[in-house]
Structures are given as C-alpha cells and as structure tokens.
Amino acid sequence: MIGPKRSGKTTLAKAVCKRTNMSSIRFGNFVKFNGLEDADDETKVLALIQQLAKEIKPRVLIEDFP
C-alpha cells in the first residue's frame, strides 16, 4: 500500500491482516525492537528474513519497508 502519511494505510493493513489471518510487521518497530538502528541495510534485511523464517502464519504484511 502506498499513500501519504495519516491516510489510513496502517488501519487498512490491520483490517486486511485480521480478515485474512495474516501477520503484520512494522519494519521500523522491528528495527528498534532488535537494536538494529545503527546497522547497515543488509544486516537489517537479513534479520528480517530470519524472523520471517520463524513465522507460523503463511502470509506477512510488512509496513515501512525501504
């Protein structure tokens, strides 16, 4: 989903995830939670891939991914 700030993308994403049994990951929160703020992009993406490999649900919606 692409749109300007505060246009309802997150609200829509939450609704889609709820209706389709999909997980939602906010990339910015993922980076902060895992202490990757100072890491390079490759390290951040590899950490995300490792997290996705552990995900139980077959579909994942990623918000704020570069």
C-alpha atoms as a PDB file:
ATOM      1  CA  MET A   1       0.000   0.000   0.000  1.00  0.00           C
ATOM      2  CA  ILE A   2       1.291   3.396  -0.923  1.00  0.00           C
ATOM      3  CA  GLY A   3      -0.106   6.678   0.309  1.00  0.00           C
ATOM      4  CA  PRO A   4       0.641   9.863   2.199  1.00  0.00           C
ATOM      5  CA  LYS A   5       1.147   9.968   5.965  1.00  0.00           C
ATOM      6  CA  ARG A   6      -2.014   9.591   8.058  1.00  0.00           C
ATOM      7  CA  SER A   7      -4.071   8.366   5.106  1.00  0.00           C
ATOM      8  CA  GLY A   8      -5.137   5.118   6.829  1.00  0.00           C
ATOM      9  CA  LYS A   9      -2.602   2.628   5.477  1.00  0.00           C
ATOM     10  CA  THR A  10      -1.950   1.074   8.902  1.00  0.00           C
ATOM     11  CA  THR A  11      -5.660   0.902   9.712  1.00  0.00           C
ATOM     12  CA  LEU A  12      -6.318  -0.817   6.401  1.00  0.00           C
ATOM     13  CA  ALA A  13      -3.367  -3.163   6.915  1.00  0.00           C
ATOM     14  CA  LYS A  14      -4.688  -4.208  10.336  1.00  0.00           C
ATOM     15  CA  ALA A  15      -8.123  -4.917   8.852  1.00  0.00           C
ATOM     16  CA  VAL A  16      -6.634  -6.950   5.999  1.00  0.00           C
ATOM     17  CA  CYS A  17      -4.484  -8.946   8.415  1.00  0.00           C
ATOM     18  CA  LYS A  18      -7.431  -9.689  10.673  1.00  0.00           C
ATOM     19  CA  ARG A  19      -9.657 -10.835   7.807  1.00  0.00           C
ATOM     20  CA  THR A  20      -7.014 -12.984   6.110  1.00  0.00           C
ATOM     21  CA  ASN A  21      -5.203 -14.451   9.151  1.00  0.00           C
ATOM     22  CA  MET A  22      -2.069 -12.584   8.120  1.00  0.00           C
ATOM     23  CA  SER A  23       0.692 -11.269  10.393  1.00  0.00           C
ATOM     24  CA  SER A  24       1.778  -7.649  10.306  1.00  0.00           C
ATOM     25  CA  ILE A  25       5.320  -6.439  10.898  1.00  0.00           C
ATOM     26  CA  ARG A  26       6.166  -2.744  11.047  1.00  0.00           C
ATOM     27  CA  PHE A  27       9.741  -2.610   9.794  1.00  0.00           C
ATOM     28  CA  GLY A  28      10.670   0.489  11.819  1.00  0.00           C
ATOM     29  CA  ASN A  29       9.444  -1.112  15.042  1.00  0.00           C
ATOM     30  CA  PHE A  30      11.200  -4.357  14.140  1.00  0.00           C
ATOM     31  CA  VAL A  31      14.499  -2.495  13.713  1.00  0.00           C
ATOM     32  CA  LYS A  32      14.119  -0.674  17.041  1.00  0.00           C
ATOM     33  CA  PHE A  33      12.982  -3.773  18.957  1.00  0.00           C
ATOM     34  CA  ASN A  34      16.001  -5.744  17.724  1.00  0.00           C
ATOM     35  CA  GLY A  35      18.513  -2.935  18.361  1.00  0.00           C
ATOM     36  CA  LEU A  36      19.388  -2.551  14.686  1.00  0.00           C
ATOM     37  CA  GLU A  37      19.141   1.254  14.412  1.00  0.00           C
ATOM     38  CA  ASP A  38      22.867   1.606  13.706  1.00  0.00           C
ATOM     39  CA  ALA A  39      23.115  -1.480  11.490  1.00  0.00           C
ATOM     40  CA  ASP A  40      23.507  -1.313   7.725  1.00  0.00           C
ATOM     41  CA  ASP A  41      20.605  -2.206   5.434  1.00  0.00           C
ATOM     42  CA  GLU A  42      21.940  -5.670   4.654  1.00  0.00           C
ATOM     43  CA  THR A  43      22.052  -6.592   8.350  1.00  0.00           C
ATOM     44  CA  LYS A  44      18.508  -5.292   8.872  1.00  0.00           C
ATOM     45  CA  VAL A  45      17.147  -7.266   5.922  1.00  0.00           C
ATOM     46  CA  LEU A  46      18.934 -10.460   6.977  1.00  0.00           C
ATOM     47  CA  ALA A  47      17.473 -10.113  10.480  1.00  0.00           C
ATOM     48  CA  LEU A  48      14.018  -9.662   8.940  1.00  0.00           C
ATOM     49  CA  ILE A  49      14.478 -12.761   6.764  1.00  0.00           C
ATOM     50  CA  GLN A  50      15.456 -14.777   9.844  1.00  0.00           C
ATOM     51  CA  GLN A  51      12.341 -13.534  11.657  1.00  0.00           C
ATOM     52  CA  LEU A  52      10.139 -14.381   8.686  1.00  0.00           C
ATOM     53  CA  ALA A  53      11.590 -17.906   8.588  1.00  0.00           C
ATOM     54  CA  LYS A  54      10.257 -18.396  12.146  1.00  0.00           C
ATOM     55  CA  GLU A  55       6.819 -17.002  11.310  1.00  0.00           C
ATOM     56  CA  ILE A  56       3.995 -19.505  11.688  1.00  0.00           C
ATOM     57  CA  LYS A  57       1.423 -17.752   9.509  1.00  0.00           C
ATOM     58  CA  PRO A  58       1.944 -18.235   5.769  1.00  0.00           C
ATOM     59  CA  ARG A  59       1.396 -14.574   4.835  1.00  0.00           C
ATOM     60  CA  VAL A  60       3.030 -11.496   6.308  1.00  0.00           C
ATOM     61  CA  LEU A  61       2.363  -7.832   5.584  1.00  0.00           C
ATOM     62  CA  ILE A  62       5.451  -5.644   6.113  1.00  0.00           C
ATOM     63  CA  GLU A  63       4.932  -1.936   6.717  1.00  0.00           C
ATOM     64  CA  ASP A  64       7.556   0.799   6.282  1.00  0.00           C
ATOM     65  CA  PHE A  65       9.986  -1.436   4.403  1.00  0.00           C
ATOM     66  CA  PRO A  66      12.522   0.644   2.466  1.00  0.00           C
END
